[in-house]
All heavy atoms as atom14 arrays in JSON, in Angstrom:
{
  "sequence": "NKYVVNSGISTSTLLSLYEDYPAYMKTVKLNIPESGNG",
  "atom14_mask": [
    [1, 1, 1, 1, 1, 1, 1, 1, 0, 0, 0, 0, 0, 0],
    [1, 1, 1, 1, 1, 1, 1, 1, 1, 0, 0, 0, 0, 0],
    [1, 1, 1, 1, 1, 1, 1, 1, 1, 1, 1, 1, 0, 0],
    [1, 1, 1, 1, 1, 1, 1, 0, 0, 0, 0, 0, 0, 0],
    [1, 1, 1, 1, 1, 1, 1, 0, 0, 0, 0, 0, 0, 0],
    [1, 1, 1, 1, 1, 1, 1, 1, 0, 0, 0, 0, 0, 0],
    [1, 1, 1, 1, 1, 1, 0, 0, 0, 0, 0, 0, 0, 0],
    [1, 1, 1, 1, 0, 0, 0, 0, 0, 0, 0, 0, 0, 0],
    [1, 1, 1, 1, 1, 1, 1, 1, 0, 0, 0, 0, 0, 0],
    [1, 1, 1, 1, 1, 1, 0, 0, 0, 0, 0, 0, 0, 0],
    [1, 1, 1, 1, 1, 1, 1, 0, 0, 0, 0, 0, 0, 0],
    [1, 1, 1, 1, 1, 1, 0, 0, 0, 0, 0, 0, 0, 0],
    [1, 1, 1, 1, 1, 1, 1, 0, 0, 0, 0, 0, 0, 0],
    [1, 1, 1, 1, 1, 1, 1, 1, 0, 0, 0, 0, 0, 0],
    [1, 1, 1, 1, 1, 1, 1, 1, 0, 0, 0, 0, 0, 0],
    [1, 1, 1, 1, 1, 1, 0, 0, 0, 0, 0, 0, 0, 0],
    [1, 1, 1, 1, 1, 1, 1, 1, 0, 0, 0, 0, 0, 0],
    [1, 1, 1, 1, 1, 1, 1, 1, 1, 1, 1, 1, 0, 0],
    [1, 1, 1, 1, 1, 1, 1, 1, 1, 0, 0, 0, 0, 0],
    [1, 1, 1, 1, 1, 1, 1, 1, 0, 0, 0, 0, 0, 0],
    [1, 1, 1, 1, 1, 1, 1, 1, 1, 1, 1, 1, 0, 0],
    [1, 1, 1, 1, 1, 1, 1, 0, 0, 0, 0, 0, 0, 0],
    [1, 1, 1, 1, 1, 0, 0, 0, 0, 0, 0, 0, 0, 0],
    [1, 1, 1, 1, 1, 1, 1, 1, 1, 1, 1, 1, 0, 0],
    [1, 1, 1, 1, 1, 1, 1, 1, 0, 0, 0, 0, 0, 0],
    [1, 1, 1, 1, 1, 1, 1, 1, 1, 0, 0, 0, 0, 0],
    [1, 1, 1, 1, 1, 1, 1, 0, 0, 0, 0, 0, 0, 0],
    [1, 1, 1, 1, 1, 1, 1, 0, 0, 0, 0, 0, 0, 0],
    [1, 1, 1, 1, 1, 1, 1, 1, 1, 0, 0, 0, 0, 0],
    [1, 1, 1, 1, 1, 1, 1, 1, 0, 0, 0, 0, 0, 0],
    [1, 1, 1, 1, 1, 1, 1, 1, 0, 0, 0, 0, 0, 0],
    [1, 1, 1, 1, 1, 1, 1, 1, 0, 0, 0, 0, 0, 0],
    [1, 1, 1, 1, 1, 1, 1, 0, 0, 0, 0, 0, 0, 0],
    [1, 1, 1, 1, 1, 1, 1, 1, 1, 0, 0, 0, 0, 0],
    [1, 1, 1, 1, 1, 1, 0, 0, 0, 0, 0, 0, 0, 0],
    [1, 1, 1, 1, 0, 0, 0, 0, 0, 0, 0, 0, 0, 0],
    [1, 1, 1, 1, 1, 1, 1, 1, 0, 0, 0, 0, 0, 0],
    [1, 1, 1, 1, 0, 0, 0, 0, 0, 0, 0, 0, 0, 0]
  ],
  "atom14_positions": [
    [[114.46, 112.23, 94.59], [114.27, 110.97, 95.27], [113.16, 110.14, 94.66], [112.31, 110.76, 93.86], [114.08, 111.13, 96.75], [115.29, 111.96, 97.31], [116.4, 111.59, 97.19], [115.0, 113.1, 97.91], [0.0, 0.0, 0.0], [0.0, 0.0, 0.0], [0.0, 0.0, 0.0], [0.0, 0.0, 0.0], [0.0, 0.0, 0.0], [0.0, 0.0, 0.0]],
    [[113.02, 108.92, 95.0], [112.01, 108.0, 94.41], [111.31, 107.25, 95.56], [111.97, 106.59, 96.34], [112.72, 107.06, 93.4], [113.44, 107.72, 92.29], [114.06, 106.78, 91.24], [115.19, 105.94, 91.8], [115.89, 105.23, 90.66], [0.0, 0.0, 0.0], [0.0, 0.0, 0.0], [0.0, 0.0, 0.0], [0.0, 0.0, 0.0], [0.0, 0.0, 0.0]],
    [[110.02, 107.37, 95.59], [109.2, 106.93, 96.76], [108.16, 105.9, 96.27], [107.34, 106.2, 95.39], [108.53, 108.11, 97.41], [109.39, 109.24, 97.8], [109.77, 110.27, 96.87], [109.81, 109.41, 99.13], [110.57, 111.33, 97.2], [110.58, 110.48, 99.55], [111.0, 111.47, 98.58], [111.73, 112.51, 98.95], [0.0, 0.0, 0.0], [0.0, 0.0, 0.0]],
    [[108.17, 104.69, 96.81], [107.29, 103.68, 96.37], [105.78, 104.06, 96.59], [104.96, 103.85, 95.76], [107.6, 102.39, 97.02], [106.47, 101.34, 96.76], [108.9, 101.78, 96.5], [0.0, 0.0, 0.0], [0.0, 0.0, 0.0], [0.0, 0.0, 0.0], [0.0, 0.0, 0.0], [0.0, 0.0, 0.0], [0.0, 0.0, 0.0], [0.0, 0.0, 0.0]],
    [[105.51, 104.68, 97.73], [104.13, 105.0, 98.08], [103.5, 105.95, 97.11], [102.45, 105.73, 96.57], [104.02, 105.57, 99.55], [102.69, 106.19, 99.75], [104.28, 104.44, 100.57], [0.0, 0.0, 0.0], [0.0, 0.0, 0.0], [0.0, 0.0, 0.0], [0.0, 0.0, 0.0], [0.0, 0.0, 0.0], [0.0, 0.0, 0.0], [0.0, 0.0, 0.0]],
    [[104.3, 107.0, 96.74], [103.82, 107.97, 95.78], [103.85, 107.44, 94.37], [102.98, 107.77, 93.54], [104.59, 109.27, 95.92], [103.74, 110.47, 95.68], [102.53, 110.52, 95.99], [104.31, 111.5, 94.98], [0.0, 0.0, 0.0], [0.0, 0.0, 0.0], [0.0, 0.0, 0.0], [0.0, 0.0, 0.0], [0.0, 0.0, 0.0], [0.0, 0.0, 0.0]],
    [[104.86, 106.6, 94.09], [104.87, 105.96, 92.74], [103.68, 105.08, 92.54], [103.16, 104.88, 91.5], [106.14, 105.14, 92.6], [107.19, 105.87, 92.05], [0.0, 0.0, 0.0], [0.0, 0.0, 0.0], [0.0, 0.0, 0.0], [0.0, 0.0, 0.0], [0.0, 0.0, 0.0], [0.0, 0.0, 0.0], [0.0, 0.0, 0.0], [0.0, 0.0, 0.0]],
    [[103.12, 104.53, 93.68], [102.02, 103.56, 93.58], [100.78, 104.22, 92.98], [100.28, 103.79, 91.94], [0.0, 0.0, 0.0], [0.0, 0.0, 0.0], [0.0, 0.0, 0.0], [0.0, 0.0, 0.0], [0.0, 0.0, 0.0], [0.0, 0.0, 0.0], [0.0, 0.0, 0.0], [0.0, 0.0, 0.0], [0.0, 0.0, 0.0], [0.0, 0.0, 0.0]],
    [[100.33, 105.31, 93.62], [99.07, 105.88, 93.12], [99.34, 106.55, 91.75], [98.46, 106.46, 90.88], [98.55, 106.98, 94.04], [97.15, 107.48, 93.63], [99.53, 108.07, 94.37], [96.48, 108.41, 94.6], [0.0, 0.0, 0.0], [0.0, 0.0, 0.0], [0.0, 0.0, 0.0], [0.0, 0.0, 0.0], [0.0, 0.0, 0.0], [0.0, 0.0, 0.0]],
    [[100.58, 107.02, 91.44], [100.86, 107.7, 90.2], [100.82, 106.62, 89.08], [100.16, 106.86, 88.01], [102.24, 108.34, 90.21], [102.34, 109.23, 91.37], [0.0, 0.0, 0.0], [0.0, 0.0, 0.0], [0.0, 0.0, 0.0], [0.0, 0.0, 0.0], [0.0, 0.0, 0.0], [0.0, 0.0, 0.0], [0.0, 0.0, 0.0], [0.0, 0.0, 0.0]],
    [[101.56, 105.56, 89.27], [101.63, 104.51, 88.25], [100.27, 103.83, 87.96], [99.87, 103.66, 86.85], [102.65, 103.47, 88.61], [103.88, 104.08, 88.92], [102.86, 102.45, 87.51], [0.0, 0.0, 0.0], [0.0, 0.0, 0.0], [0.0, 0.0, 0.0], [0.0, 0.0, 0.0], [0.0, 0.0, 0.0], [0.0, 0.0, 0.0], [0.0, 0.0, 0.0]],
    [[99.53, 103.63, 89.05], [98.2, 103.04, 88.89], [97.2, 103.96, 88.14], [96.48, 103.46, 87.3], [97.64, 102.68, 90.25], [96.35, 102.22, 90.17], [0.0, 0.0, 0.0], [0.0, 0.0, 0.0], [0.0, 0.0, 0.0], [0.0, 0.0, 0.0], [0.0, 0.0, 0.0], [0.0, 0.0, 0.0], [0.0, 0.0, 0.0], [0.0, 0.0, 0.0]],
    [[97.25, 105.21, 88.42], [96.36, 106.12, 87.76], [96.65, 106.2, 86.23], [95.71, 106.19, 85.46], [96.51, 107.55, 88.34], [96.17, 107.49, 89.75], [95.55, 108.52, 87.69], [0.0, 0.0, 0.0], [0.0, 0.0, 0.0], [0.0, 0.0, 0.0], [0.0, 0.0, 0.0], [0.0, 0.0, 0.0], [0.0, 0.0, 0.0], [0.0, 0.0, 0.0]],
    [[97.91, 106.11, 85.89], [98.26, 106.08, 84.46], [97.85, 104.73, 83.82], [97.38, 104.68, 82.68], [99.73, 106.39, 84.28], [100.17, 107.76, 84.65], [101.71, 107.92, 84.49], [99.48, 108.84, 83.85], [0.0, 0.0, 0.0], [0.0, 0.0, 0.0], [0.0, 0.0, 0.0], [0.0, 0.0, 0.0], [0.0, 0.0, 0.0], [0.0, 0.0, 0.0]],
    [[98.1, 103.63, 84.53], [97.64, 102.32, 84.06], [96.17, 102.32, 83.87], [95.61, 101.77, 82.91], [98.08, 101.25, 85.03], [99.58, 100.88, 85.05], [99.88, 99.91, 86.2], [99.98, 100.2, 83.64], [0.0, 0.0, 0.0], [0.0, 0.0, 0.0], [0.0, 0.0, 0.0], [0.0, 0.0, 0.0], [0.0, 0.0, 0.0], [0.0, 0.0, 0.0]],
    [[95.4, 102.91, 84.81], [93.94, 103.0, 84.65], [93.51, 103.77, 83.49], [92.5, 103.56, 82.85], [93.35, 103.57, 85.99], [93.54, 102.67, 87.02], [0.0, 0.0, 0.0], [0.0, 0.0, 0.0], [0.0, 0.0, 0.0], [0.0, 0.0, 0.0], [0.0, 0.0, 0.0], [0.0, 0.0, 0.0], [0.0, 0.0, 0.0], [0.0, 0.0, 0.0]],
    [[94.28, 104.89, 83.17], [93.93, 105.64, 82.03], [94.0, 104.74, 80.77], [93.13, 104.84, 79.86], [94.96, 106.8, 81.85], [94.89, 107.66, 80.57], [93.5, 108.24, 80.38], [95.92, 108.71, 80.59], [0.0, 0.0, 0.0], [0.0, 0.0, 0.0], [0.0, 0.0, 0.0], [0.0, 0.0, 0.0], [0.0, 0.0, 0.0], [0.0, 0.0, 0.0]],
    [[94.99, 103.91, 80.69], [95.07, 103.03, 79.5], [93.96, 101.96, 79.59], [93.29, 101.65, 78.61], [96.44, 102.28, 79.41], [96.44, 101.31, 78.29], [96.65, 101.74, 77.01], [96.16, 99.93, 78.49], [96.61, 100.87, 75.93], [96.1, 99.11, 77.4], [96.33, 99.57, 76.13], [96.3, 98.71, 75.09], [0.0, 0.0, 0.0], [0.0, 0.0, 0.0]],
    [[93.74, 101.42, 80.8], [92.78, 100.34, 80.96], [91.33, 100.86, 80.63], [90.52, 100.17, 80.09], [92.78, 99.86, 82.42], [92.19, 98.53, 82.62], [92.6, 97.91, 83.97], [93.0, 98.67, 84.9], [92.42, 96.69, 84.21], [0.0, 0.0, 0.0], [0.0, 0.0, 0.0], [0.0, 0.0, 0.0], [0.0, 0.0, 0.0], [0.0, 0.0, 0.0]],
    [[91.02, 102.1, 80.95], [89.67, 102.64, 80.72], [89.47, 103.19, 79.35], [88.32, 103.15, 78.83], [89.43, 103.71, 81.76], [89.43, 103.3, 83.23], [89.41, 102.04, 83.43], [89.43, 104.1, 84.08], [0.0, 0.0, 0.0], [0.0, 0.0, 0.0], [0.0, 0.0, 0.0], [0.0, 0.0, 0.0], [0.0, 0.0, 0.0], [0.0, 0.0, 0.0]],
    [[90.54, 103.63, 78.68], [90.36, 104.24, 77.38], [91.51, 103.69, 76.39], [92.29, 104.48, 75.87], [90.5, 105.78, 77.47], [89.44, 106.37, 78.36], [89.77, 106.67, 79.7], [88.17, 106.54, 77.94], [88.84, 107.16, 80.6], [87.21, 107.08, 78.78], [87.56, 107.39, 80.12], [86.61, 107.87, 80.98], [0.0, 0.0, 0.0], [0.0, 0.0, 0.0]],
    [[91.46, 102.37, 76.22], [92.65, 101.84, 75.43], [92.68, 102.24, 73.98], [93.73, 102.47, 73.48], [92.43, 100.28, 75.57], [90.97, 100.13, 75.89], [90.63, 101.35, 76.71], [0.0, 0.0, 0.0], [0.0, 0.0, 0.0], [0.0, 0.0, 0.0], [0.0, 0.0, 0.0], [0.0, 0.0, 0.0], [0.0, 0.0, 0.0], [0.0, 0.0, 0.0]],
    [[91.55, 102.34, 73.37], [91.51, 102.66, 71.95], [92.1, 104.08, 71.71], [92.94, 104.32, 70.84], [90.1, 102.65, 71.41], [0.0, 0.0, 0.0], [0.0, 0.0, 0.0], [0.0, 0.0, 0.0], [0.0, 0.0, 0.0], [0.0, 0.0, 0.0], [0.0, 0.0, 0.0], [0.0, 0.0, 0.0], [0.0, 0.0, 0.0], [0.0, 0.0, 0.0]],
    [[91.68, 105.04, 72.55], [92.26, 106.4, 72.45], [93.7, 106.44, 72.8], [94.53, 107.07, 72.09], [91.5, 107.35, 73.29], [92.05, 108.74, 73.22], [91.89, 109.55, 72.11], [92.91, 109.23, 74.28], [92.52, 110.79, 72.02], [93.51, 110.48, 74.22], [93.26, 111.25, 73.08], [93.85, 112.45, 73.0], [0.0, 0.0, 0.0], [0.0, 0.0, 0.0]],
    [[94.13, 105.76, 73.86], [95.51, 105.85, 74.36], [96.43, 105.24, 73.38], [97.65, 105.59, 73.35], [95.66, 105.24, 75.74], [94.9, 106.03, 76.87], [95.07, 107.88, 76.72], [96.83, 108.07, 76.85], [0.0, 0.0, 0.0], [0.0, 0.0, 0.0], [0.0, 0.0, 0.0], [0.0, 0.0, 0.0], [0.0, 0.0, 0.0], [0.0, 0.0, 0.0]],
    [[96.01, 104.32, 72.53], [96.87, 103.7, 71.49], [97.22, 104.73, 70.44], [98.22, 104.56, 69.75], [96.25, 102.52, 70.92], [96.17, 101.25, 71.85], [95.39, 100.16, 71.21], [95.28, 98.96, 72.15], [94.47, 97.82, 71.6], [0.0, 0.0, 0.0], [0.0, 0.0, 0.0], [0.0, 0.0, 0.0], [0.0, 0.0, 0.0], [0.0, 0.0, 0.0]],
    [[96.5, 105.82, 70.35], [96.71, 106.84, 69.34], [97.6, 107.94, 69.83], [98.06, 108.8, 69.04], [95.43, 107.49, 68.82], [94.92, 108.34, 69.88], [94.36, 106.48, 68.48], [0.0, 0.0, 0.0], [0.0, 0.0, 0.0], [0.0, 0.0, 0.0], [0.0, 0.0, 0.0], [0.0, 0.0, 0.0], [0.0, 0.0, 0.0], [0.0, 0.0, 0.0]],
    [[97.96, 107.97, 71.07], [98.7, 109.1, 71.67], [100.18, 108.82, 71.51], [100.77, 107.87, 72.1], [98.36, 109.22, 73.16], [99.25, 110.29, 73.84], [96.88, 109.61, 73.33], [0.0, 0.0, 0.0], [0.0, 0.0, 0.0], [0.0, 0.0, 0.0], [0.0, 0.0, 0.0], [0.0, 0.0, 0.0], [0.0, 0.0, 0.0], [0.0, 0.0, 0.0]],
    [[100.84, 109.68, 70.75], [102.3, 109.55, 70.41], [103.03, 110.63, 71.15], [102.69, 111.8, 71.12], [102.52, 109.73, 68.92], [101.62, 108.8, 68.04], [101.81, 107.34, 68.3], [100.97, 106.48, 67.34], [100.95, 105.07, 67.67], [0.0, 0.0, 0.0], [0.0, 0.0, 0.0], [0.0, 0.0, 0.0], [0.0, 0.0, 0.0], [0.0, 0.0, 0.0]],
    [[104.06, 110.21, 71.9], [104.72, 111.15, 72.78], [106.14, 111.54, 72.41], [106.76, 112.38, 73.06], [104.75, 110.55, 74.2], [103.48, 110.23, 74.88], [103.67, 109.51, 76.22], [102.61, 111.48, 75.06], [0.0, 0.0, 0.0], [0.0, 0.0, 0.0], [0.0, 0.0, 0.0], [0.0, 0.0, 0.0], [0.0, 0.0, 0.0], [0.0, 0.0, 0.0]],
    [[106.69, 110.9, 71.36], [108.05, 111.23, 70.98], [109.02, 110.94, 72.12], [109.66, 111.86, 72.59], [108.26, 112.63, 70.45], [109.67, 112.88, 69.91], [110.33, 112.02, 69.39], [110.18, 114.12, 70.15], [0.0, 0.0, 0.0], [0.0, 0.0, 0.0], [0.0, 0.0, 0.0], [0.0, 0.0, 0.0], [0.0, 0.0, 0.0], [0.0, 0.0, 0.0]],
    [[109.05, 109.64, 72.52], [110.03, 109.28, 73.58], [110.81, 108.14, 72.92], [110.5, 107.66, 71.87], [109.3, 108.73, 74.87], [108.25, 107.67, 74.5], [108.54, 109.9, 75.53], [107.55, 107.12, 75.72], [0.0, 0.0, 0.0], [0.0, 0.0, 0.0], [0.0, 0.0, 0.0], [0.0, 0.0, 0.0], [0.0, 0.0, 0.0], [0.0, 0.0, 0.0]],
    [[111.96, 107.78, 73.5], [112.91, 106.82, 72.88], [112.24, 105.54, 72.46], [112.65, 104.85, 71.51], [113.96, 106.66, 73.94], [114.03, 107.9, 74.69], [112.61, 108.37, 74.74], [0.0, 0.0, 0.0], [0.0, 0.0, 0.0], [0.0, 0.0, 0.0], [0.0, 0.0, 0.0], [0.0, 0.0, 0.0], [0.0, 0.0, 0.0], [0.0, 0.0, 0.0]],
    [[111.24, 105.04, 73.23], [110.57, 103.77, 72.91], [109.52, 103.87, 71.91], [108.95, 102.85, 71.51], [110.0, 103.21, 74.25], [111.06, 102.97, 75.36], [111.41, 104.2, 76.12], [110.76, 105.24, 75.89], [112.3, 104.16, 76.99], [0.0, 0.0, 0.0], [0.0, 0.0, 0.0], [0.0, 0.0, 0.0], [0.0, 0.0, 0.0], [0.0, 0.0, 0.0]],
    [[109.13, 105.04, 71.47], [108.02, 105.19, 70.48], [108.19, 104.24, 69.26], [109.31, 104.17, 68.76], [107.95, 106.65, 70.07], [107.58, 107.48, 71.06], [0.0, 0.0, 0.0], [0.0, 0.0, 0.0], [0.0, 0.0, 0.0], [0.0, 0.0, 0.0], [0.0, 0.0, 0.0], [0.0, 0.0, 0.0], [0.0, 0.0, 0.0], [0.0, 0.0, 0.0]],
    [[107.15, 103.65, 68.84], [107.17, 102.78, 67.69], [107.51, 101.35, 67.96], [107.74, 100.56, 67.04], [0.0, 0.0, 0.0], [0.0, 0.0, 0.0], [0.0, 0.0, 0.0], [0.0, 0.0, 0.0], [0.0, 0.0, 0.0], [0.0, 0.0, 0.0], [0.0, 0.0, 0.0], [0.0, 0.0, 0.0], [0.0, 0.0, 0.0], [0.0, 0.0, 0.0]],
    [[107.66, 100.96, 69.23], [108.06, 99.58, 69.52], [106.92, 98.65, 69.66], [107.09, 97.47, 70.01], [108.89, 99.58, 70.83], [108.12, 99.93, 72.07], [106.93, 100.27, 71.98], [108.75, 99.91, 73.26], [0.0, 0.0, 0.0], [0.0, 0.0, 0.0], [0.0, 0.0, 0.0], [0.0, 0.0, 0.0], [0.0, 0.0, 0.0], [0.0, 0.0, 0.0]],
    [[105.71, 99.02, 69.3], [104.55, 98.15, 69.37], [103.78, 98.3, 70.68], [102.8, 97.61, 70.87], [0.0, 0.0, 0.0], [0.0, 0.0, 0.0], [0.0, 0.0, 0.0], [0.0, 0.0, 0.0], [0.0, 0.0, 0.0], [0.0, 0.0, 0.0], [0.0, 0.0, 0.0], [0.0, 0.0, 0.0], [0.0, 0.0, 0.0], [0.0, 0.0, 0.0]]
  ]
}
């Protein structure tokens, strides 16, 4: 199932990871279908 309340804190924490450490997170490659799209 998919829950907005729990998605909220999860999504925000990941967004904050990028917001707080953008230079490093730009180097992290995950091999997912969207990889390499800019």
